[in-house]
C-alpha atoms as a PDB file:
ATOM      1  CA  UNK A   1      -4.113  -2.611  -0.413  1.00  0.00           C
ATOM      2  CA  UNK A   2      -4.146   0.247  -3.003  1.00  0.00           C
ATOM      3  CA  UNK A   3      -2.825   3.866  -2.811  1.00  0.00           C
ATOM      4  CA  UNK A   4      -4.419   6.999  -3.987  1.00  0.00           C
ATOM      5  CA  UNK A   5      -1.922   9.763  -3.612  1.00  0.00           C
ATOM      6  CA  UNK A   6      -0.289   8.525  -0.593  1.00  0.00           C
ATOM      7  CA  UNK A   7      -3.467   7.256   1.181  1.00  0.00           C
ATOM      8  CA  UNK A   8      -2.968   3.374   1.918  1.00  0.00           C
ATOM      9  CA  UNK A   9      -6.341   1.301   1.833  1.00  0.00           C
ATOM     10  CA  UNK A  10      -5.694  -2.297   2.694  1.00  0.00           C
ATOM     11  CA  UNK A  11      -8.073  -4.895   0.713  1.00  0.00           C
ATOM     12  CA  UNK A  12      -8.313  -8.423   0.727  1.00  0.00           C
ATOM     13  CA  UNK A  13      -6.116  -9.090   3.955  1.00  0.00           C
ATOM     14  CA  UNK A  14      -2.898  -8.307   1.977  1.00  0.00           C
ATOM     15  CA  UNK A  15      -0.465  -5.806   2.332  1.00  0.00           C
ATOM     16  CA  UNK A  16      -0.020  -4.579  -1.233  1.00  0.00           C
ATOM     17  CA  UNK A  17      -0.383  -1.144  -2.971  1.00  0.00           C
ATOM     18  CA  UNK A  18       0.278   1.164  -5.972  1.00  0.00           C
ATOM     19  CA  UNK A  19       1.965   4.303  -6.440  1.00  0.00           C
ATOM     20  CA  UNK A  20       0.213   7.692  -7.657  1.00  0.00           C
ATOM     21  CA  UNK A  21       0.255   7.491 -11.380  1.00  0.00           C
ATOM     22  CA  UNK A  22       3.094   9.633 -12.400  1.00  0.00           C
ATOM     23  CA  UNK A  23       6.681   9.471 -13.183  1.00  0.00           C
ATOM     24  CA  UNK A  24       8.107   8.883  -9.830  1.00  0.00           C
ATOM     25  CA  UNK A  25       8.672   6.605  -7.217  1.00  0.00           C
ATOM     26  CA  UNK A  26       7.227   6.430  -3.678  1.00  0.00           C
ATOM     27  CA  UNK A  27       8.784   5.697  -0.684  1.00  0.00           C
ATOM     28  CA  UNK A  28       6.321   3.591   1.248  1.00  0.00           C
ATOM     29  CA  UNK A  29       8.328   2.503   4.068  1.00  0.00           C
ATOM     30  CA  UNK A  30      11.826   3.745   5.148  1.00  0.00           C
ATOM     31  CA  UNK A  31      14.311   0.998   6.362  1.00  0.00           C
ATOM     32  CA  UNK A  32      14.296   0.250  10.113  1.00  0.00           C
ATOM     33  CA  UNK A  33      17.612   2.198  10.738  1.00  0.00           C
ATOM     34  CA  UNK A  34      16.555   5.528   9.197  1.00  0.00           C
ATOM     35  CA  UNK A  35      13.172   5.354  10.708  1.00  0.00           C
ATOM     36  CA  UNK A  36      12.628   8.048  13.510  1.00  0.00           C
ATOM     37  CA  UNK A  37      13.693   6.206  17.248  1.00  0.00           C
ATOM     38  CA  UNK A  38      10.491   5.516  19.267  1.00  0.00           C
ATOM     39  CA  UNK A  39      10.193   3.694  22.898  1.00  0.00           C
ATOM     40  CA  UNK A  40       7.091   1.498  21.271  1.00  0.00           C
ATOM     41  CA  UNK A  41       8.942   0.026  17.979  1.00  0.00           C
ATOM     42  CA  UNK A  42       9.546  -3.549  18.093  1.00  0.00           C
ATOM     43  CA  UNK A  43      12.575  -4.615  18.792  1.00  0.00           C
ATOM     44  CA  UNK A  44      13.672  -5.719  15.075  1.00  0.00           C
ATOM     45  CA  UNK A  45      13.156  -2.040  13.957  1.00  0.00           C
ATOM     46  CA  UNK A  46      16.460  -1.970  12.560  1.00  0.00           C
ATOM     47  CA  UNK A  47      15.934  -4.758  10.355  1.00  0.00           C
ATOM     48  CA  UNK A  48      12.667  -3.813   8.667  1.00  0.00           C
ATOM     49  CA  UNK A  49      13.108  -3.315   5.060  1.00  0.00           C
ATOM     50  CA  UNK A  50      12.289  -0.475   3.041  1.00  0.00           C
ATOM     51  CA  UNK A  51       9.606  -0.440   0.582  1.00  0.00           C
ATOM     52  CA  UNK A  52       9.749   2.006  -2.723  1.00  0.00           C
ATOM     53  CA  UNK A  53       7.085   1.208  -5.588  1.00  0.00           C
ATOM     54  CA  UNK A  54       6.232   2.692  -8.859  1.00  0.00           C
ATOM     55  CA  UNK A  55       3.622   2.434 -11.495  1.00  0.00           C
ATOM     56  CA  UNK A  56       5.298  -0.304 -14.074  1.00  0.00           C
ATOM     57  CA  UNK A  57       2.826   0.615 -17.343  1.00  0.00           C
ATOM     58  CA  UNK A  58       3.858   2.712 -19.533  1.00  0.00           C
ATOM     59  CA  UNK A  59       6.217   3.107 -22.646  1.00  0.00           C
ATOM     60  CA  UNK A  60       9.656   1.409 -21.633  1.00  0.00           C
ATOM     61  CA  UNK A  61      11.280   5.288 -21.208  1.00  0.00           C
ATOM     62  CA  UNK A  62       9.008   5.805 -18.698  1.00  0.00           C
ATOM     63  CA  UNK A  63       9.139   3.153 -16.701  1.00  0.00           C
ATOM     64  CA  UNK A  64      13.316   3.093 -16.558  1.00  0.00           C
ATOM     65  CA  UNK A  65      12.293   6.712 -15.244  1.00  0.00           C
ATOM     66  CA  UNK A  66      10.126   5.353 -12.456  1.00  0.00           C
ATOM     67  CA  UNK A  67      12.774   3.106 -11.654  1.00  0.00           C
ATOM     68  CA  UNK A  68      15.758   5.582 -11.736  1.00  0.00           C
ATOM     69  CA  UNK A  69      14.051   7.459  -9.175  1.00  0.00           C
ATOM     70  CA  UNK A  70      13.134   4.396  -6.807  1.00  0.00           C
ATOM     71  CA  UNK A  71      17.019   3.642  -7.225  1.00  0.00           C
ATOM     72  CA  UNK A  72      17.523   7.521  -5.795  1.00  0.00           C
ATOM     73  CA  UNK A  73      14.768   7.286  -3.362  1.00  0.00           C
ATOM     74  CA  UNK A  74      16.539   4.076  -1.803  1.00  0.00           C
ATOM     75  CA  UNK A  75      19.797   5.440  -1.626  1.00  0.00           C
ATOM     76  CA  UNK A  76      18.433   8.711  -0.242  1.00  0.00           C
ATOM     77  CA  UNK A  77      16.945   6.805   2.683  1.00  0.00           C
ATOM     78  CA  UNK A  78      19.657   4.710   3.586  1.00  0.00           C
ATOM     79  CA  UNK A  79      22.109   7.368   3.066  1.00  0.00           C
ATOM     80  CA  UNK A  80      24.043   5.514   0.644  1.00  0.00           C
ATOM     81  CA  UNK A  81      24.259   1.740  -0.483  1.00  0.00           C
ATOM     82  CA  UNK A  82      21.455  -0.341  -0.211  1.00  0.00           C
ATOM     83  CA  UNK A  83      20.339  -3.739  -1.257  1.00  0.00           C
ATOM     84  CA  UNK A  84      17.419  -5.301  -2.759  1.00  0.00           C
ATOM     85  CA  UNK A  85      15.825  -7.905  -0.821  1.00  0.00           C
ATOM     86  CA  UNK A  86      12.981  -8.785  -3.168  1.00  0.00           C
ATOM     87  CA  UNK A  87      10.903  -6.960  -5.773  1.00  0.00           C
ATOM     88  CA  UNK A  88       7.718  -7.526  -8.122  1.00  0.00           C
ATOM     89  CA  UNK A  89       4.409  -6.810  -8.855  1.00  0.00           C
ATOM     90  CA  UNK A  90       1.764  -6.056  -6.576  1.00  0.00           C
ATOM     91  CA  UNK A  91      -0.851  -9.400  -6.430  1.00  0.00           C
ATOM     92  CA  UNK A  92      -3.792 -10.866  -5.671  1.00  0.00           C
ATOM     93  CA  UNK A  93      -4.694 -13.981  -4.106  1.00  0.00           C
ATOM     94  CA  UNK A  94      -4.212 -16.874  -6.501  1.00  0.00           C
ATOM     95  CA  UNK A  95      -0.991 -14.793  -7.947  1.00  0.00           C
ATOM     96  CA  UNK A  96      -3.101 -12.385 -10.117  1.00  0.00           C
ATOM     97  CA  UNK A  97      -1.944  -9.305 -10.290  1.00  0.00           C
ATOM     98  CA  UNK A  98      -3.620  -6.623  -8.436  1.00  0.00           C
ATOM     99  CA  UNK A  99      -2.194  -3.709 -10.597  1.00  0.00           C
ATOM    100  CA  UNK A 100       0.390  -1.985 -12.944  1.00  0.00           C
ATOM    101  CA  UNK A 101       2.663  -1.240  -9.199  1.00  0.00           C
ATOM    102  CA  UNK A 102       6.160  -2.637  -8.898  1.00  0.00           C
ATOM    103  CA  UNK A 103       7.112  -2.979  -5.105  1.00  0.00           C
ATOM    104  CA  UNK A 104      10.778  -3.307  -4.320  1.00  0.00           C
ATOM    105  CA  UNK A 105      11.585  -4.244  -0.556  1.00  0.00           C
ATOM    106  CA  UNK A 106      15.442  -3.347   0.385  1.00  0.00           C
ATOM    107  CA  UNK A 107      17.740  -3.182   3.588  1.00  0.00           C
ATOM    108  CA  UNK A 108      20.602  -0.617   3.654  1.00  0.00           C
ATOM    109  CA  UNK A 109      23.928  -1.935   4.032  1.00  0.00           C
ATOM    110  CA  UNK A 110      26.529  -0.203   5.856  1.00  0.00           C
ATOM    111  CA  UNK A 111      29.654   1.130   4.979  1.00  0.00           C
ATOM    112  CA  UNK A 112      32.543   0.979   7.489  1.00  0.00           C
ATOM    113  CA  UNK A 113      31.919   5.117   8.211  1.00  0.00           C
ATOM    114  CA  UNK A 114      28.207   4.446   8.619  1.00  0.00           C
ATOM    115  CA  UNK A 115      28.955   1.767  10.415  1.00  0.00           C
ATOM    116  CA  UNK A 116      30.913   3.124  13.420  1.00  0.00           C
ATOM    117  CA  UNK A 117      28.857   6.497  13.044  1.00  0.00           C
ATOM    118  CA  UNK A 118      25.649   4.518  14.186  1.00  0.00           C
ATOM    119  CA  UNK A 119      27.029   2.764  17.228  1.00  0.00           C
END
């Protein structure tokens, strides 16, 4: 799947994407509990990870700026602390890089105050 400024296209049966090339990260999917309630949502909606992605090509300073923006977007999506579950490049079958996009899967970490407000 490639992303053309927010439009996702599925390719080769893989769920992967690439961010628009700029100096910011893209929140591709909000984590489960921050999504809008939906009566048709799966029962594990509260446990779905968030996904943020950014272009991992260019100067080290540009990549660092995009990663910092990814951190900011994850904090905003979680309204506080989060945990990175896994991260890596978009891969094609056979393990070849599909693009220079870096994808991060994250989950929100409930603090004592946020856990009690969500009940």
